[in-house]
Amino acid sequence: MAPPIGGSDMRNAQRGMKRVVLWFRNDLRLHDNPIVDRARRSVSSGECKEVLPLYCFDPRMFQVSEFGSRKTGAHRTKFLLESVMDLRQRLRG
């Protein structure tokens, strides 16, 4: 779940210094993501100045399981990398 957007610090909002961190975890979609929509509306309304998207690769996903197999195989890793690169490109576009 992403952290809530908004707040009551009007001094930062008035100076246009308020930023929102948009933490992507599993859902990398933009078109029907309610948190992305809320962030966009916050910028449009002037509630915040900018949105900083964040995705962190969890190193635990790439470890070996207790059964000796990789938790994330080569195909899943490739898919994840491509998905994050696509997300980055769409956010910049």
C-alpha atoms as a PDB file:
ATOM      1  CA  MET A   1       0.000   0.000   0.000  1.00  0.00           C
ATOM      2  CA  ALA A   2       1.368   3.423  -0.860  1.00  0.00           C
ATOM      3  CA  PRO A   3       1.634   6.124   1.792  1.00  0.00           C
ATOM      4  CA  PRO A   4      -1.177   8.686   1.875  1.00  0.00           C
ATOM      5  CA  ILE A   5      -0.863  11.817  -0.204  1.00  0.00           C
ATOM      6  CA  GLY A   6      -1.549  15.216   1.221  1.00  0.00           C
ATOM      7  CA  GLY A   7      -1.282  16.723   4.640  1.00  0.00           C
ATOM      8  CA  SER A   8      -1.920  19.871   6.598  1.00  0.00           C
ATOM      9  CA  ASP A   9       1.386  21.743   6.314  1.00  0.00           C
ATOM     10  CA  MET A  10       0.064  24.785   4.439  1.00  0.00           C
ATOM     11  CA  ARG A  11       3.346  26.720   4.667  1.00  0.00           C
ATOM     12  CA  ASN A  12       5.095  24.233   2.377  1.00  0.00           C
ATOM     13  CA  ALA A  13       2.085  24.057   0.047  1.00  0.00           C
ATOM     14  CA  GLN A  14       1.963  27.843  -0.232  1.00  0.00           C
ATOM     15  CA  ARG A  15       5.664  28.024  -1.072  1.00  0.00           C
ATOM     16  CA  GLY A  16       5.219  25.196  -3.579  1.00  0.00           C
ATOM     17  CA  MET A  17       7.794  23.043  -1.825  1.00  0.00           C
ATOM     18  CA  LYS A  18       5.613  20.096  -0.946  1.00  0.00           C
ATOM     19  CA  ARG A  19       6.624  16.834  -2.593  1.00  0.00           C
ATOM     20  CA  VAL A  20       4.922  13.473  -2.752  1.00  0.00           C
ATOM     21  CA  VAL A  21       6.877  10.226  -2.876  1.00  0.00           C
ATOM     22  CA  LEU A  22       5.002   7.721  -4.997  1.00  0.00           C
ATOM     23  CA  TRP A  23       6.314   4.341  -3.874  1.00  0.00           C
ATOM     24  CA  PHE A  24       5.732   1.606  -6.427  1.00  0.00           C
ATOM     25  CA  ARG A  25       5.876  -1.877  -4.965  1.00  0.00           C
ATOM     26  CA  ASN A  26       4.061  -4.546  -6.988  1.00  0.00           C
ATOM     27  CA  ASP A  27       1.577  -2.635  -9.104  1.00  0.00           C
ATOM     28  CA  LEU A  28       3.548  -0.778 -11.786  1.00  0.00           C
ATOM     29  CA  ARG A  29       0.496   0.182 -13.856  1.00  0.00           C
ATOM     30  CA  LEU A  30      -0.274   3.846 -14.437  1.00  0.00           C
ATOM     31  CA  HIS A  31      -3.555   3.887 -16.364  1.00  0.00           C
ATOM     32  CA  ASP A  32      -5.804   2.522 -13.605  1.00  0.00           C
ATOM     33  CA  ASN A  33      -3.735   3.075 -10.478  1.00  0.00           C
ATOM     34  CA  PRO A  34      -5.710   5.187  -7.963  1.00  0.00           C
ATOM     35  CA  ILE A  35      -2.565   6.341  -6.136  1.00  0.00           C
ATOM     36  CA  VAL A  36      -1.033   7.642  -9.376  1.00  0.00           C
ATOM     37  CA  ASP A  37      -4.302   9.419 -10.161  1.00  0.00           C
ATOM     38  CA  ARG A  38      -4.370  10.999  -6.694  1.00  0.00           C
ATOM     39  CA  ALA A  39      -0.768  12.200  -7.082  1.00  0.00           C
ATOM     40  CA  ARG A  40      -1.584  13.721 -10.476  1.00  0.00           C
ATOM     41  CA  ARG A  41      -4.607  15.524  -9.029  1.00  0.00           C
ATOM     42  CA  SER A  42      -2.503  16.807  -6.111  1.00  0.00           C
ATOM     43  CA  VAL A  43      -0.060  18.417  -8.539  1.00  0.00           C
ATOM     44  CA  SER A  44      -2.863  19.812 -10.746  1.00  0.00           C
ATOM     45  CA  SER A  45      -4.628  21.386  -7.770  1.00  0.00           C
ATOM     46  CA  GLY A  46      -1.416  22.888  -6.386  1.00  0.00           C
ATOM     47  CA  GLU A  47      -1.568  20.738  -3.246  1.00  0.00           C
ATOM     48  CA  CYS A  48       1.990  19.646  -3.995  1.00  0.00           C
ATOM     49  CA  LYS A  49       4.740  20.806  -6.314  1.00  0.00           C
ATOM     50  CA  GLU A  50       6.082  17.514  -7.591  1.00  0.00           C
ATOM     51  CA  VAL A  51       5.800  13.766  -7.417  1.00  0.00           C
ATOM     52  CA  LEU A  52       8.923  11.680  -6.904  1.00  0.00           C
ATOM     53  CA  PRO A  53       8.321   8.118  -8.141  1.00  0.00           C
ATOM     54  CA  LEU A  54      10.279   5.408  -6.344  1.00  0.00           C
ATOM     55  CA  TYR A  55      10.800   1.723  -6.994  1.00  0.00           C
ATOM     56  CA  CYS A  56      13.226  -0.335  -4.914  1.00  0.00           C
ATOM     57  CA  PHE A  57      14.478  -3.722  -5.962  1.00  0.00           C
ATOM     58  CA  ASP A  58      14.212  -5.983  -2.934  1.00  0.00           C
ATOM     59  CA  PRO A  59      17.395  -8.077  -2.746  1.00  0.00           C
ATOM     60  CA  ARG A  60      15.448 -10.789  -0.900  1.00  0.00           C
ATOM     61  CA  MET A  61      13.614 -11.517  -4.169  1.00  0.00           C
ATOM     62  CA  PHE A  62      16.894 -12.654  -5.726  1.00  0.00           C
ATOM     63  CA  GLN A  63      18.165 -14.868  -2.929  1.00  0.00           C
ATOM     64  CA  VAL A  64      18.132 -18.634  -2.842  1.00  0.00           C
ATOM     65  CA  SER A  65      15.151 -20.159  -1.045  1.00  0.00           C
ATOM     66  CA  GLU A  66      15.413 -22.560   1.850  1.00  0.00           C
ATOM     67  CA  PHE A  67      14.907 -25.349  -0.697  1.00  0.00           C
ATOM     68  CA  GLY A  68      17.966 -24.331  -2.726  1.00  0.00           C
ATOM     69  CA  SER A  69      16.209 -22.757  -5.700  1.00  0.00           C
ATOM     70  CA  ARG A  70      16.238 -19.124  -6.730  1.00  0.00           C
ATOM     71  CA  LYS A  71      13.215 -17.176  -5.528  1.00  0.00           C
ATOM     72  CA  THR A  72      13.141 -15.212  -8.792  1.00  0.00           C
ATOM     73  CA  GLY A  73      14.252 -16.939 -11.969  1.00  0.00           C
ATOM     74  CA  ALA A  74      15.857 -15.448 -15.054  1.00  0.00           C
ATOM     75  CA  HIS A  75      12.589 -14.919 -16.958  1.00  0.00           C
ATOM     76  CA  ARG A  76      10.857 -13.213 -14.025  1.00  0.00           C
ATOM     77  CA  THR A  77      13.933 -11.030 -13.436  1.00  0.00           C
ATOM     78  CA  LYS A  78      13.984 -10.000 -17.099  1.00  0.00           C
ATOM     79  CA  PHE A  79      10.254  -9.223 -16.973  1.00  0.00           C
ATOM     80  CA  LEU A  80      10.686  -7.157 -13.810  1.00  0.00           C
ATOM     81  CA  LEU A  81      13.564  -5.151 -15.290  1.00  0.00           C
ATOM     82  CA  GLU A  82      11.622  -4.502 -18.491  1.00  0.00           C
ATOM     83  CA  SER A  83       8.554  -3.463 -16.492  1.00  0.00           C
ATOM     84  CA  VAL A  84      10.519  -0.985 -14.390  1.00  0.00           C
ATOM     85  CA  MET A  85      12.235   0.454 -17.478  1.00  0.00           C
ATOM     86  CA  ASP A  86       8.826   0.821 -19.148  1.00  0.00           C
ATOM     87  CA  LEU A  87       7.432   2.532 -16.044  1.00  0.00           C
ATOM     88  CA  ARG A  88      10.365   4.935 -16.035  1.00  0.00           C
ATOM     89  CA  GLN A  89       9.844   5.778 -19.716  1.00  0.00           C
ATOM     90  CA  ARG A  90       6.094   6.318 -19.264  1.00  0.00           C
ATOM     91  CA  LEU A  91       6.637   8.572 -16.248  1.00  0.00           C
ATOM     92  CA  ARG A  92       9.078  10.706 -18.215  1.00  0.00           C
ATOM     93  CA  GLY A  93       6.758  10.916 -21.231  1.00  0.00           C
END
